[in-house]
Amino acid sequence: MLAFLIDEDLPRGLAVRLRTADFDATDVRDVGLQATPDAAIYQYAVAHTLALLTADLGFSNIVRFPLEEHHGIVVARFPNEIPAPSLNRILTEAIGALGLDSLRQTLVILEPGRTRIRRHM
């Protein structure tokens, strides 16, 4: 089962929506990581074998966050104008459509109408 750490730049209800779709999901705000630097959030995800789900494009930097070190990073690039319930639905469906049992060593960038996947060789 895919397990996620949800960054605070995504809707608060996303973790709940993912759990109802049978994913394991924890919001950074539920583990005291709100307003925490990216490096600390990344380290928490790595230490707890969680894939990170974020809207922060900085996490797509594979020099700063090397593919071989993490359990997956999913960067959601969607317009801010999308209502939170709609975004939660879109992201949950997109993650389910990936059909992956693991995101280990994988960077996924989700955009409207487009999914990019980069894996460690």
PDB file of N, CA and C in Angstrom:
ATOM      1  N   MET A   1       0.842  -1.179   0.000  1.00  0.00           N
ATOM      2  CA  MET A   1       0.000   0.000   0.000  1.00  0.00           C
ATOM      3  C   MET A   1       0.888   1.244   0.000  1.00  0.00           C
ATOM      4  N   LEU A   2       0.538   2.195  -0.851  1.00  0.00           N
ATOM      5  CA  LEU A   2       1.276   3.449  -0.882  1.00  0.00           C
ATOM      6  C   LEU A   2       0.991   4.246   0.375  1.00  0.00           C
ATOM      7  N   ALA A   3       2.036   4.823   0.946  1.00  0.00           N
ATOM      8  CA  ALA A   3       1.922   5.636   2.160  1.00  0.00           C
ATOM      9  C   ALA A   3       2.513   7.008   1.871  1.00  0.00           C
ATOM     10  N   PHE A   4       1.763   8.050   2.221  1.00  0.00           N
ATOM     11  CA  PHE A   4       2.139   9.417   1.875  1.00  0.00           C
ATOM     12  C   PHE A   4       2.270  10.319   3.089  1.00  0.00           C
ATOM     13  N   LEU A   5       3.170  11.278   2.968  1.00  0.00           N
ATOM     14  CA  LEU A   5       3.236  12.434   3.849  1.00  0.00           C
ATOM     15  C   LEU A   5       2.767  13.606   3.007  1.00  0.00           C
ATOM     16  N   ILE A   6       1.691  14.267   3.426  1.00  0.00           N
ATOM     17  CA  ILE A   6       1.102  15.362   2.658  1.00  0.00           C
ATOM     18  C   ILE A   6       1.666  16.677   3.151  1.00  0.00           C
ATOM     19  N   ASP A   7       2.266  17.453   2.255  1.00  0.00           N
ATOM     20  CA  ASP A   7       2.841  18.753   2.589  1.00  0.00           C
ATOM     21  C   ASP A   7       1.728  19.764   2.861  1.00  0.00           C
ATOM     22  N   GLU A   8       2.045  20.787   3.627  1.00  0.00           N
ATOM     23  CA  GLU A   8       1.034  21.758   4.037  1.00  0.00           C
ATOM     24  C   GLU A   8       0.567  22.678   2.913  1.00  0.00           C
ATOM     25  N   ASP A   9       1.189  22.617   1.752  1.00  0.00           N
ATOM     26  CA  ASP A   9       0.737  23.449   0.635  1.00  0.00           C
ATOM     27  C   ASP A   9      -0.407  22.788  -0.148  1.00  0.00           C
ATOM     28  N   LEU A  10      -0.848  21.645   0.315  1.00  0.00           N
ATOM     29  CA  LEU A  10      -2.005  20.969  -0.269  1.00  0.00           C
ATOM     30  C   LEU A  10      -3.170  21.029   0.716  1.00  0.00           C
ATOM     31  N   PRO A  11      -4.395  20.825   0.239  1.00  0.00           N
ATOM     32  CA  PRO A  11      -5.556  20.963   1.119  1.00  0.00           C
ATOM     33  C   PRO A  11      -5.507  20.056   2.342  1.00  0.00           C
ATOM     34  N   ARG A  12      -6.012  20.574   3.430  1.00  0.00           N
ATOM     35  CA  ARG A  12      -6.024  19.852   4.708  1.00  0.00           C
ATOM     36  C   ARG A  12      -6.772  18.527   4.607  1.00  0.00           C
ATOM     37  N   GLY A  13      -7.808  18.468   3.798  1.00  0.00           N
ATOM     38  CA  GLY A  13      -8.617  17.255   3.686  1.00  0.00           C
ATOM     39  C   GLY A  13      -8.060  16.184   2.775  1.00  0.00           C
ATOM     40  N   LEU A  14      -6.917  16.433   2.143  1.00  0.00           N
ATOM     41  CA  LEU A  14      -6.381  15.457   1.193  1.00  0.00           C
ATOM     42  C   LEU A  14      -6.008  14.142   1.873  1.00  0.00           C
ATOM     43  N   ALA A  15      -5.418  14.200   3.048  1.00  0.00           N
ATOM     44  CA  ALA A  15      -5.046  12.964   3.744  1.00  0.00           C
ATOM     45  C   ALA A  15      -6.277  12.104   4.019  1.00  0.00           C
ATOM     46  N   VAL A  16      -7.368  12.736   4.435  1.00  0.00           N
ATOM     47  CA  VAL A  16      -8.604  12.003   4.697  1.00  0.00           C
ATOM     48  C   VAL A  16      -9.117  11.362   3.410  1.00  0.00           C
ATOM     49  N   ARG A  17      -9.113  12.133   2.325  1.00  0.00           N
ATOM     50  CA  ARG A  17      -9.586  11.620   1.027  1.00  0.00           C
ATOM     51  C   ARG A  17      -8.742  10.426   0.578  1.00  0.00           C
ATOM     52  N   LEU A  18      -7.431  10.515   0.733  1.00  0.00           N
ATOM     53  CA  LEU A  18      -6.558   9.406   0.345  1.00  0.00           C
ATOM     54  C   LEU A  18      -6.818   8.172   1.208  1.00  0.00           C
ATOM     55  N   ARG A  19      -7.021   8.387   2.502  1.00  0.00           N
ATOM     56  CA  ARG A  19      -7.301   7.240   3.382  1.00  0.00           C
ATOM     57  C   ARG A  19      -8.608   6.549   3.000  1.00  0.00           C
ATOM     58  N   THR A  20      -9.610   7.317   2.577  1.00  0.00           N
ATOM     59  CA  THR A  20     -10.871   6.693   2.166  1.00  0.00           C
ATOM     60  C   THR A  20     -10.697   5.897   0.869  1.00  0.00           C
ATOM     61  N   ALA A  21      -9.636   6.192   0.129  1.00  0.00           N
ATOM     62  CA  ALA A  21      -9.323   5.449  -1.102  1.00  0.00           C
ATOM     63  C   ALA A  21      -8.296   4.347  -0.831  1.00  0.00           C
ATOM     64  N   ASP A  22      -8.128   3.983   0.441  1.00  0.00           N
ATOM     65  CA  ASP A  22      -7.247   2.882   0.866  1.00  0.00           C
ATOM     66  C   ASP A  22      -5.756   3.157   0.720  1.00  0.00           C
ATOM     67  N   PHE A  23      -5.375   4.425   0.765  1.00  0.00           N
ATOM     68  CA  PHE A  23      -3.961   4.779   0.862  1.00  0.00           C
ATOM     69  C   PHE A  23      -3.674   5.147   2.311  1.00  0.00           C
ATOM     70  N   ASP A  24      -2.432   5.011   2.718  1.00  0.00           N
ATOM     71  CA  ASP A  24      -2.008   5.478   4.029  1.00  0.00           C
ATOM     72  C   ASP A  24      -1.551   6.922   3.831  1.00  0.00           C
ATOM     73  N   ALA A  25      -2.074   7.857   4.605  1.00  0.00           N
ATOM     74  CA  ALA A  25      -1.725   9.266   4.412  1.00  0.00           C
ATOM     75  C   ALA A  25      -1.686  10.002   5.732  1.00  0.00           C
ATOM     76  N   THR A  26      -0.616  10.796   5.904  1.00  0.00           N
ATOM     77  CA  THR A  26      -0.425  11.619   7.085  1.00  0.00           C
ATOM     78  C   THR A  26      -0.140  13.035   6.627  1.00  0.00           C
ATOM     79  N   ASP A  27      -0.807  13.995   7.233  1.00  0.00           N
ATOM     80  CA  ASP A  27      -0.582  15.406   6.921  1.00  0.00           C
ATOM     81  C   ASP A  27       0.534  15.936   7.823  1.00  0.00           C
ATOM     82  N   VAL A  28       1.431  16.758   7.273  1.00  0.00           N
ATOM     83  CA  VAL A  28       2.533  17.300   8.074  1.00  0.00           C
ATOM     84  C   VAL A  28       2.018  18.062   9.295  1.00  0.00           C
ATOM     85  N   ARG A  29       0.833  18.650   9.178  1.00  0.00           N
ATOM     86  CA  ARG A  29       0.261  19.407  10.297  1.00  0.00           C
ATOM     87  C   ARG A  29      -0.148  18.502  11.444  1.00  0.00           C
ATOM     88  N   ASP A  30      -0.342  17.214  11.171  1.00  0.00           N
ATOM     89  CA  ASP A  30      -0.726  16.262  12.216  1.00  0.00           C
ATOM     90  C   ASP A  30       0.471  15.693  12.961  1.00  0.00           C
ATOM     91  N   VAL A  31       1.671  15.941  12.453  1.00  0.00           N
ATOM     92  CA  VAL A  31       2.881  15.433  13.117  1.00  0.00           C
ATOM     93  C   VAL A  31       3.818  16.573  13.519  1.00  0.00           C
ATOM     94  N   GLY A  32       3.271  17.786  13.582  1.00  0.00           N
ATOM     95  CA  GLY A  32       4.036  18.931  14.073  1.00  0.00           C
ATOM     96  C   GLY A  32       5.071  19.471  13.106  1.00  0.00           C
ATOM     97  N   LEU A  33       4.884  19.263  11.807  1.00  0.00           N
ATOM     98  CA  LEU A  33       5.865  19.725  10.830  1.00  0.00           C
ATOM     99  C   LEU A  33       5.394  20.934  10.022  1.00  0.00           C
ATOM    100  N   GLN A  34       4.313  21.601  10.447  1.00  0.00           N
ATOM    101  CA  GLN A  34       3.881  22.795   9.729  1.00  0.00           C
ATOM    102  C   GLN A  34       4.950  23.872   9.882  1.00  0.00           C
ATOM    103  N   ALA A  35       5.118  24.685   8.848  1.00  0.00           N
ATOM    104  CA  ALA A  35       6.109  25.767   8.817  1.00  0.00           C
ATOM    105  C   ALA A  35       7.530  25.242   9.053  1.00  0.00           C
ATOM    106  N   THR A  36       7.787  24.026   8.573  1.00  0.00           N
ATOM    107  CA  THR A  36       9.087  23.388   8.728  1.00  0.00           C
ATOM    108  C   THR A  36       9.836  23.462   7.402  1.00  0.00           C
ATOM    109  N   PRO A  37      11.157  23.661   7.431  1.00  0.00           N
ATOM    110  CA  PRO A  37      11.923  23.691   6.176  1.00  0.00           C
ATOM    111  C   PRO A  37      11.770  22.393   5.374  1.00  0.00           C
ATOM    112  N   ASP A  38      11.883  22.535   4.068  1.00  0.00           N
ATOM    113  CA  ASP A  38      11.740  21.390   3.166  1.00  0.00           C
ATOM    114  C   ASP A  38      12.637  20.223   3.561  1.00  0.00           C
ATOM    115  N   ALA A  39      13.875  20.516   3.935  1.00  0.00           N
ATOM    116  CA  ALA A  39      14.824  19.446   4.266  1.00  0.00           C
ATOM    117  C   ALA A  39      14.323  18.600   5.434  1.00  0.00           C
ATOM    118  N   ALA A  40      13.697  19.217   6.426  1.00  0.00           N
ATOM    119  CA  ALA A  40      13.188  18.476   7.583  1.00  0.00           C
ATOM    120  C   ALA A  40      11.980  17.630   7.195  1.00  0.00           C
ATOM    121  N   ILE A  41      11.120  18.152   6.340  1.00  0.00           N
ATOM    122  CA  ILE A  41       9.964  17.387   5.873  1.00  0.00           C
ATOM    123  C   ILE A  41      10.444  16.183   5.063  1.00  0.00           C
ATOM    124  N   TYR A  42      11.404  16.414   4.205  1.00  0.00           N
ATOM    125  CA  TYR A  42      11.981  15.340   3.399  1.00  0.00           C
ATOM    126  C   TYR A  42      12.586  14.256   4.297  1.00  0.00           C
ATOM    127  N   GLN A  43      13.361  14.661   5.284  1.00  0.00           N
ATOM    128  CA  GLN A  43      13.996  13.694   6.187  1.00  0.00           C
ATOM    129  C   GLN A  43      12.957  12.886   6.967  1.00  0.00           C
ATOM    130  N   TYR A  44      11.880  13.536   7.381  1.00  0.00           N
ATOM    131  CA  TYR A  44      10.808  12.821   8.075  1.00  0.00           C
ATOM    132  C   TYR A  44      10.206  11.762   7.151  1.00  0.00           C
ATOM    133  N   ALA A  45       9.916  12.146   5.910  1.00  0.00           N
ATOM    134  CA  ALA A  45       9.348  11.202   4.945  1.00  0.00           C
ATOM    135  C   ALA A  45      10.287  10.020   4.722  1.00  0.00           C
ATOM    136  N   VAL A  46      11.561  10.288   4.555  1.00  0.00           N
ATOM    137  CA  VAL A  46      12.538   9.221   4.338  1.00  0.00           C
ATOM    138  C   VAL A  46      12.610   8.306   5.565  1.00  0.00           C
ATOM    139  N   ALA A  47      12.693   8.899   6.749  1.00  0.00           N
ATOM    140  CA  ALA A  47      12.821   8.122   7.987  1.00  0.00           C
ATOM    141  C   ALA A  47      11.600   7.250   8.257  1.00  0.00           C
ATOM    142  N   HIS A  48      10.429   7.681   7.794  1.00  0.00           N
ATOM    143  CA  HIS A  48       9.196   6.941   8.043  1.00  0.00           C
ATOM    144  C   HIS A  48       8.699   6.182   6.803  1.00  0.00           C
ATOM    145  N   THR A  49       9.563   6.025   5.818  1.00  0.00           N
ATOM    146  CA  THR A  49       9.275   5.316   4.557  1.00  0.00           C
ATOM    147  C   THR A  49       7.966   5.782   3.916  1.00  0.00           C
ATOM    148  N   LEU A  50       7.812   7.098   3.827  1.00  0.00           N
ATOM    149  CA  LEU A  50       6.633   7.705   3.224  1.00  0.00           C
ATOM    150  C   LEU A  50       7.003   8.396   1.923  1.00  0.00           C
ATOM    151  N   ALA A  51       6.122   8.312   0.946  1.00  0.00           N
ATOM    152  CA  ALA A  51       6.267   9.129  -0.257  1.00  0.00           C
ATOM    153  C   ALA A  51       5.750  10.517   0.096  1.00  0.00           C
ATOM    154  N   LEU A  52       6.397  11.526  -0.399  1.00  0.00           N
ATOM    155  CA  LEU A  52       5.993  12.904  -0.132  1.00  0.00           C
ATOM    156  C   LEU A  52       5.081  13.390  -1.239  1.00  0.00           C
ATOM    157  N   LEU A  53       3.933  13.938  -0.871  1.00  0.00           N
ATOM    158  CA  LEU A  53       2.985  14.524  -1.820  1.00  0.00           C
ATOM    159  C   LEU A  53       2.928  16.009  -1.528  1.00  0.00           C
ATOM    160  N   THR A  54       3.298  16.828  -2.517  1.00  0.00           N
ATOM    161  CA  THR A  54       3.481  18.249  -2.312  1.00  0.00           C
ATOM    162  C   THR A  54       3.110  19.035  -3.566  1.00  0.00           C
ATOM    163  N   ALA A  55       2.922  20.327  -3.389  1.00  0.00           N
ATOM    164  CA  ALA A  55       2.757  21.227  -4.541  1.00  0.00           C
ATOM    165  C   ALA A  55       4.014  22.071  -4.724  1.00  0.00           C
ATOM    166  N   ASP A  56       5.017  21.836  -3.917  1.00  0.00           N
ATOM    167  CA  ASP A  56       6.266  22.600  -3.926  1.00  0.00           C
ATOM    168  C   ASP A  56       7.194  22.053  -5.018  1.00  0.00           C
ATOM    169  N   LEU A  57       7.352  22.817  -6.091  1.00  0.00           N
ATOM    170  CA  LEU A  57       8.185  22.388  -7.212  1.00  0.00           C
ATOM    171  C   LEU A  57       9.643  22.178  -6.803  1.00  0.00           C
ATOM    172  N   GLY A  58      10.065  22.793  -5.717  1.00  0.00           N
ATOM    173  CA  GLY A  58      11.435  22.609  -5.235  1.00  0.00           C
ATOM    174  C   GLY A  58      11.769  21.160  -4.945  1.00  0.00           C
ATOM    175  N   PHE A  59      10.773  20.364  -4.568  1.00  0.00           N
ATOM    176  CA  PHE A  59      11.014  18.957  -4.282  1.00  0.00           C
ATOM    177  C   PHE A  59      11.294  18.140  -5.541  1.00  0.00           C
ATOM    178  N   SER A  60      11.119  18.727  -6.713  1.00  0.00           N
ATOM    179  CA  SER A  60      11.432  18.006  -7.949  1.00  0.00           C
ATOM    180  C   SER A  60      12.912  18.135  -8.322  1.00  0.00           C
ATOM    181  N   ASN A  61      13.676  18.843  -7.524  1.00  0.00           N
ATOM    182  CA  ASN A  61      15.104  19.017  -7.760  1.00  0.00           C
ATOM    183  C   ASN A  61      15.820  17.730  -7.353  1.00  0.00           C
ATOM    184  N   ILE A  62      16.230  16.937  -8.342  1.00  0.00           N
ATOM    185  CA  ILE A  62      16.834  15.645  -8.030  1.00  0.00           C
ATOM    186  C   ILE A  62      18.287  15.759  -7.560  1.00  0.00           C
ATOM    187  N   VAL A  63      18.869  16.925  -7.645  1.00  0.00           N
ATOM    188  CA  VAL A  63      20.194  17.124  -7.061  1.00  0.00           C
ATOM    189  C   VAL A  63      20.041  17.290  -5.551  1.00  0.00           C
ATOM    190  N   ARG A  64      19.055  18.089  -5.148  1.00  0.00           N
ATOM    191  CA  ARG A  64      18.809  18.328  -3.719  1.00  0.00           C
ATOM    192  C   ARG A  64      18.122  17.136  -3.056  1.00  0.00           C
ATOM    193  N   PHE A  65      17.253  16.466  -3.793  1.00  0.00           N
ATOM    194  CA  PHE A  65      16.495  15.322  -3.278  1.00  0.00           C
ATOM    195  C   PHE A  65      16.707  14.134  -4.227  1.00  0.00           C
ATOM    196  N   PRO A  66      17.875  13.476  -4.135  1.00  0.00           N
ATOM    197  CA  PRO A  66      18.240  12.418  -5.084  1.00  0.00           C
ATOM    198  C   PRO A  66      17.246  11.259  -5.096  1.00  0.00           C
ATOM    199  N   LEU A  67      16.935  10.786  -6.285  1.00  0.00           N
ATOM    200  CA  LEU A  67      15.970   9.705  -6.460  1.00  0.00           C
ATOM    201  C   LEU A  67      16.323   8.470  -5.630  1.00  0.00           C
ATOM    202  N   GLU A  68      17.588   8.135  -5.564  1.00  0.00           N
ATOM    203  CA  GLU A  68      17.975   6.895  -4.891  1.00  0.00           C
ATOM    204  C   GLU A  68      17.801   6.938  -3.380  1.00  0.00           C
ATOM    205  N   GLU A  69      17.503   8.108  -2.814  1.00  0.00           N
ATOM    206  CA  GLU A  69      17.409   8.233  -1.358  1.00  0.00           C
ATOM    207  C   GLU A  69      15.997   8.138  -0.797  1.00  0.00           C
ATOM    208  N   HIS A  70      14.981   8.375  -1.592  1.00  0.00           N
ATOM    209  CA  HIS A  70      13.647   8.537  -1.002  1.00  0.00           C
ATOM    210  C   HIS A  70      12.655   7.460  -1.439  1.00  0.00           C
ATOM    211  N   HIS A  71      11.489   7.515  -0.821  1.00  0.00           N
ATOM    212  CA  HIS A  71      10.423   6.541  -1.063  1.00  0.00           C
ATOM    213  C   HIS A  71       9.364   7.092  -1.999  1.00  0.00           C
ATOM    214  N   GLY A  72       9.719   8.140  -2.713  1.00  0.00           N
ATOM    215  CA  GLY A  72       8.844   8.732  -3.707  1.00  0.00           C
ATOM    216  C   GLY A  72       8.501  10.165  -3.388  1.00  0.00           C
ATOM    217  N   ILE A  73       8.461  10.961  -4.430  1.00  0.00           N
ATOM    218  CA  ILE A  73       8.002  12.344  -4.334  1.00  0.00           C
ATOM    219  C   ILE A  73       6.996  12.552  -5.453  1.00  0.00           C
ATOM    220  N   VAL A  74       5.829  13.061  -5.081  1.00  0.00           N
ATOM    221  CA  VAL A  74       4.791  13.397  -6.049  1.00  0.00           C
ATOM    222  C   VAL A  74       4.550  14.895  -5.939  1.00  0.00           C
ATOM    223  N   VAL A  75       4.805  15.610  -7.027  1.00  0.00           N
ATOM    224  CA  VAL A  75       4.615  17.056  -7.065  1.00  0.00           C
ATOM    225  C   VAL A  75       3.351  17.338  -7.873  1.00  0.00           C
ATOM    226  N   ALA A  76       2.396  17.991  -7.233  1.00  0.00           N
ATOM    227  CA  ALA A  76       1.120  18.329  -7.868  1.00  0.00           C
ATOM    228  C   ALA A  76       1.169  19.773  -8.348  1.00  0.00           C
ATOM    229  N   ARG A  77       1.090  19.968  -9.650  1.00  0.00           N
ATOM    230  CA  ARG A  77       1.162  21.299 -10.256  1.00  0.00           C
ATOM    231  C   ARG A  77      -0.201  21.648 -10.855  1.00  0.00           C
ATOM    232  N   PHE A  78      -1.068  22.204 -10.027  1.00  0.00           N
ATOM    233  CA  PHE A  78      -2.420  22.551 -10.456  1.00  0.00           C
ATOM    234  C   PHE A  78      -2.708  24.004 -10.098  1.00  0.00           C
ATOM    235  N   PRO A  79      -3.586  24.647 -10.849  1.00  0.00           N
ATOM    236  CA  PRO A  79      -3.913  26.050 -10.557  1.00  0.00           C
ATOM    237  C   PRO A  79      -4.489  26.220  -9.139  1.00  0.00           C
ATOM    238  N   ASN A  80      -4.123  27.314  -8.509  1.00  0.00           N
ATOM    239  CA  ASN A  80      -4.605  27.612  -7.160  1.00  0.00           C
ATOM    240  C   ASN A  80      -6.118  27.791  -7.113  1.00  0.00           C
ATOM    241  N   GLU A  81      -6.735  28.081  -8.252  1.00  0.00           N
ATOM    242  CA  GLU A  81      -8.166  28.366  -8.295  1.00  0.00           C
ATOM    243  C   GLU A  81      -9.039  27.123  -8.179  1.00  0.00           C
ATOM    244  N   ILE A  82      -8.452  25.945  -8.258  1.00  0.00           N
ATOM    245  CA  ILE A  82      -9.231  24.715  -8.145  1.00  0.00           C
ATOM    246  C   ILE A  82      -9.692  24.579  -6.691  1.00  0.00           C
ATOM    247  N   PRO A  83     -10.988  24.413  -6.467  1.00  0.00           N
ATOM    248  CA  PRO A  83     -11.484  24.243  -5.091  1.00  0.00           C
ATOM    249  C   PRO A  83     -10.855  23.010  -4.433  1.00  0.00           C
ATOM    250  N   ALA A  84     -10.613  23.096  -3.145  1.00  0.00           N
ATOM    251  CA  ALA A  84      -9.955  22.013  -2.412  1.00  0.00           C
ATOM    252  C   ALA A  84     -10.625  20.654  -2.614  1.00  0.00           C
ATOM    253  N   PRO A  85     -11.953  20.540  -2.503  1.00  0.00           N
ATOM    254  CA  PRO A  85     -12.556  19.209  -2.708  1.00  0.00           C
ATOM    255  C   PRO A  85     -12.281  18.649  -4.113  1.00  0.00           C
ATOM    256  N   SER A  86     -12.290  19.507  -5.115  1.00  0.00           N
ATOM    257  CA  SER A  86     -11.999  19.056  -6.487  1.00  0.00           C
ATOM    258  C   SER A  86     -10.553  18.618  -6.616  1.00  0.00           C
ATOM    259  N   LEU A  87      -9.637  19.385  -6.041  1.00  0.00           N
ATOM    260  CA  LEU A  87      -8.222  19.026  -6.102  1.00  0.00           C
ATOM    261  C   LEU A  87      -7.977  17.707  -5.375  1.00  0.00           C
ATOM    262  N   ASN A  88      -8.602  17.534  -4.222  1.00  0.00           N
ATOM    263  CA  ASN A  88      -8.460  16.275  -3.480  1.00  0.00           C
ATOM    264  C   ASN A  88      -8.911  15.089  -4.333  1.00  0.00           C
ATOM    265  N   ARG A  89     -10.029  15.239  -5.022  1.00  0.00           N
ATOM    266  CA  ARG A  89     -10.546  14.176  -5.885  1.00  0.00           C
ATOM    267  C   ARG A  89      -9.594  13.911  -7.042  1.00  0.00           C
ATOM    268  N   ILE A  90      -9.139  14.979  -7.698  1.00  0.00           N
ATOM    269  CA  ILE A  90      -8.233  14.855  -8.844  1.00  0.00           C
ATOM    270  C   ILE A  90      -6.947  14.130  -8.448  1.00  0.00           C
ATOM    271  N   LEU A  91      -6.353  14.539  -7.335  1.00  0.00           N
ATOM    272  CA  LEU A  91      -5.091  13.938  -6.904  1.00  0.00           C
ATOM    273  C   LEU A  91      -5.271  12.481  -6.493  1.00  0.00           C
ATOM    274  N   THR A  92      -6.346  12.186  -5.789  1.00  0.00           N
ATOM    275  CA  THR A  92      -6.603  10.806  -5.383  1.00  0.00           C
ATOM    276  C   THR A  92      -6.787   9.913  -6.604  1.00  0.00           C
ATOM    277  N   GLU A  93      -7.539  10.377  -7.580  1.00  0.00           N
ATOM    278  CA  GLU A  93      -7.737   9.596  -8.809  1.00  0.00           C
ATOM    279  C   GLU A  93      -6.434   9.443  -9.586  1.00  0.00           C
ATOM    280  N   ALA A  94      -5.640  10.506  -9.668  1.00  0.00           N
ATOM    281  CA  ALA A  94      -4.375  10.449 -10.413  1.00  0.00           C
ATOM    282  C   ALA A  94      -3.398   9.479  -9.765  1.00  0.00           C
ATOM    283  N   ILE A  95      -3.334   9.486  -8.452  1.00  0.00           N
ATOM    284  CA  ILE A  95      -2.435   8.564  -7.746  1.00  0.00           C
ATOM    285  C   ILE A  95      -2.911   7.129  -7.940  1.00  0.00           C
ATOM    286  N   GLY A  96      -4.216   6.916  -7.859  1.00  0.00           N
ATOM    287  CA  GLY A  96      -4.758   5.580  -8.097  1.00  0.00           C
ATOM    288  C   GLY A  96      -4.494   5.100  -9.510  1.00  0.00           C
ATOM    289  N   ALA A  97      -4.562   6.012 -10.466  1.00  0.00           N
ATOM    290  CA  ALA A  97      -4.342   5.657 -11.872  1.00  0.00           C
ATOM    291  C   ALA A  97      -2.893   5.284 -12.163  1.00  0.00           C
ATOM    292  N   LEU A  98      -1.967   5.692 -11.304  1.00  0.00           N
ATOM    293  CA  LEU A  98      -0.568   5.316 -11.510  1.00  0.00           C
ATOM    294  C   LEU A  98      -0.408   3.802 -11.444  1.00  0.00           C
ATOM    295  N   GLY A  99      -1.236   3.153 -10.643  1.00  0.00           N
ATOM    296  CA  GLY A  99      -1.208   1.699 -10.548  1.00  0.00           C
ATOM    297  C   GLY A  99       0.088   1.160  -9.986  1.00  0.00           C
ATOM    298  N   LEU A 100       0.729   1.915  -9.115  1.00  0.00           N
ATOM    299  CA  LEU A 100       2.009   1.502  -8.554  1.00  0.00           C
ATOM    300  C   LEU A 100       1.844   1.008  -7.124  1.00  0.00           C
ATOM    301  N   ASP A 101       2.571  -0.030  -6.776  1.00  0.00           N
ATOM    302  CA  ASP A 101       2.592  -0.505  -5.393  1.00  0.00           C
ATOM    303  C   ASP A 101       3.607   0.267  -4.574  1.00  0.00           C
ATOM    304  N   SER A 102       4.577   0.856  -5.245  1.00  0.00           N
ATOM    305  CA  SER A 102       5.629   1.596  -4.568  1.00  0.00           C
ATOM    306  C   SER A 102       6.067   2.777  -5.443  1.00  0.00           C
ATOM    307  N   LEU A 103       6.399   3.858  -4.781  1.00  0.00           N
ATOM    308  CA  LEU A 103       6.969   5.018  -5.479  1.00  0.00           C
ATOM    309  C   LEU A 103       8.444   5.175  -5.143  1.00  0.00           C
ATOM    310  N   ARG A 104       9.011   4.173  -4.500  1.00  0.00           N
ATOM    311  CA  ARG A 104      10.404   4.240  -4.073  1.00  0.00           C
ATOM    312  C   ARG A 104      11.293   4.661  -5.246  1.00  0.00           C
ATOM    313  N   GLN A 105      12.148   5.641  -4.993  1.00  0.00           N
ATOM    314  CA  GLN A 105      13.120   6.159  -5.961  1.00  0.00           C
ATOM    315  C   GLN A 105      12.454   6.698  -7.228  1.00  0.00           C
ATOM    316  N   THR A 106      11.248   7.274  -7.056  1.00  0.00           N
ATOM    317  CA  THR A 106      10.479   7.781  -8.192  1.00  0.00           C
ATOM    318  C   THR A 106      10.026   9.207  -7.927  1.00  0.00           C
ATOM    319  N   LEU A 107      10.139  10.036  -8.935  1.00  0.00           N
ATOM    320  CA  LEU A 107       9.595  11.391  -8.917  1.00  0.00           C
ATOM    321  C   LEU A 107       8.441  11.422  -9.899  1.00  0.00           C
ATOM    322  N   VAL A 108       7.274  11.849  -9.415  1.00  0.00           N
ATOM    323  CA  VAL A 108       6.091  11.968 -10.257  1.00  0.00           C
ATOM    324  C   VAL A 108       5.646  13.425 -10.232  1.00  0.00           C
ATOM    325  N   ILE A 109       5.434  13.990 -11.399  1.00  0.00           N
ATOM    326  CA  ILE A 109       4.893  15.346 -11.484  1.00  0.00           C
ATOM    327  C   ILE A 109       3.531  15.237 -12.151  1.00  0.00           C
ATOM    328  N   LEU A 110       2.509  15.618 -11.377  1.00  0.00           N
ATOM    329  CA  LEU A 110       1.128  15.584 -11.865  1.00  0.00           C
ATOM    330  C   LEU A 110       0.713  16.983 -12.275  1.00  0.00           C
ATOM    331  N   GLU A 111       0.208  17.111 -13.494  1.00  0.00           N
ATOM    332  CA  GLU A 111      -0.291  18.380 -14.015  1.00  0.00           C
ATOM    333  C   GLU A 111      -1.622  18.103 -14.693  1.00  0.00           C
ATOM    334  N   PRO A 112      -2.435  19.132 -14.918  1.00  0.00           N
ATOM    335  CA  PRO A 112      -3.688  18.898 -15.638  1.00  0.00           C
ATOM    336  C   PRO A 112      -3.411  18.240 -16.999  1.00  0.00           C
ATOM    337  N   GLY A 113      -3.956  17.047 -17.191  1.00  0.00           N
ATOM    338  CA  GLY A 113      -3.814  16.353 -18.467  1.00  0.00           C
ATOM    339  C   GLY A 113      -2.461  15.742 -18.735  1.00  0.00           C
ATOM    340  N   ARG A 114      -1.575  15.714 -17.723  1.00  0.00           N
ATOM    341  CA  ARG A 114      -0.225  15.220 -17.968  1.00  0.00           C
ATOM    342  C   ARG A 114       0.386  14.656 -16.694  1.00  0.00           C
ATOM    343  N   THR A 115       1.053  13.516 -16.816  1.00  0.00           N
ATOM    344  CA  THR A 115       1.789  12.912 -15.708  1.00  0.00           C
ATOM    345  C   THR A 115       3.185  12.585 -16.199  1.00  0.00           C
ATOM    346  N   ARG A 116       4.190  13.075 -15.474  1.00  0.00           N
ATOM    347  CA  ARG A 116       5.580  12.750 -15.803  1.00  0.00           C
ATOM    348  C   ARG A 116       6.157  11.888 -14.678  1.00  0.00           C
ATOM    349  N   ILE A 117       6.869  10.842 -15.062  1.00  0.00           N
ATOM    350  CA  ILE A 117       7.454   9.923 -14.075  1.00  0.00           C
ATOM    351  C   ILE A 117       8.937   9.758 -14.382  1.00  0.00           C
ATOM    352  N   ARG A 118       9.728   9.925 -13.338  1.00  0.00           N
ATOM    353  CA  ARG A 118      11.177   9.699 -13.483  1.00  0.00           C
ATOM    354  C   ARG A 118      11.619   8.767 -12.369  1.00  0.00           C
ATOM    355  N   ARG A 119      12.274   7.666 -12.757  1.00  0.00           N
ATOM    356  CA  ARG A 119      12.726   6.661 -11.798  1.00  0.00           C
ATOM    357  C   ARG A 119      14.241   6.612 -11.767  1.00  0.00           C
ATOM    358  N   HIS A 120      14.756   6.193 -10.618  1.00  0.00           N
ATOM    359  CA  HIS A 120      16.192   5.961 -10.484  1.00  0.00           C
ATOM    360  C   HIS A 120      16.536   4.705 -11.275  1.00  0.00           C
ATOM    361  N   MET A 121      17.640   4.755 -11.996  1.00  0.00           N
ATOM    362  CA  MET A 121      18.055   3.593 -12.806  1.00  0.00           C
ATOM    363  C   MET A 121      18.775   2.577 -11.972  1.00  0.00           C
TER     364      MET A 121
END
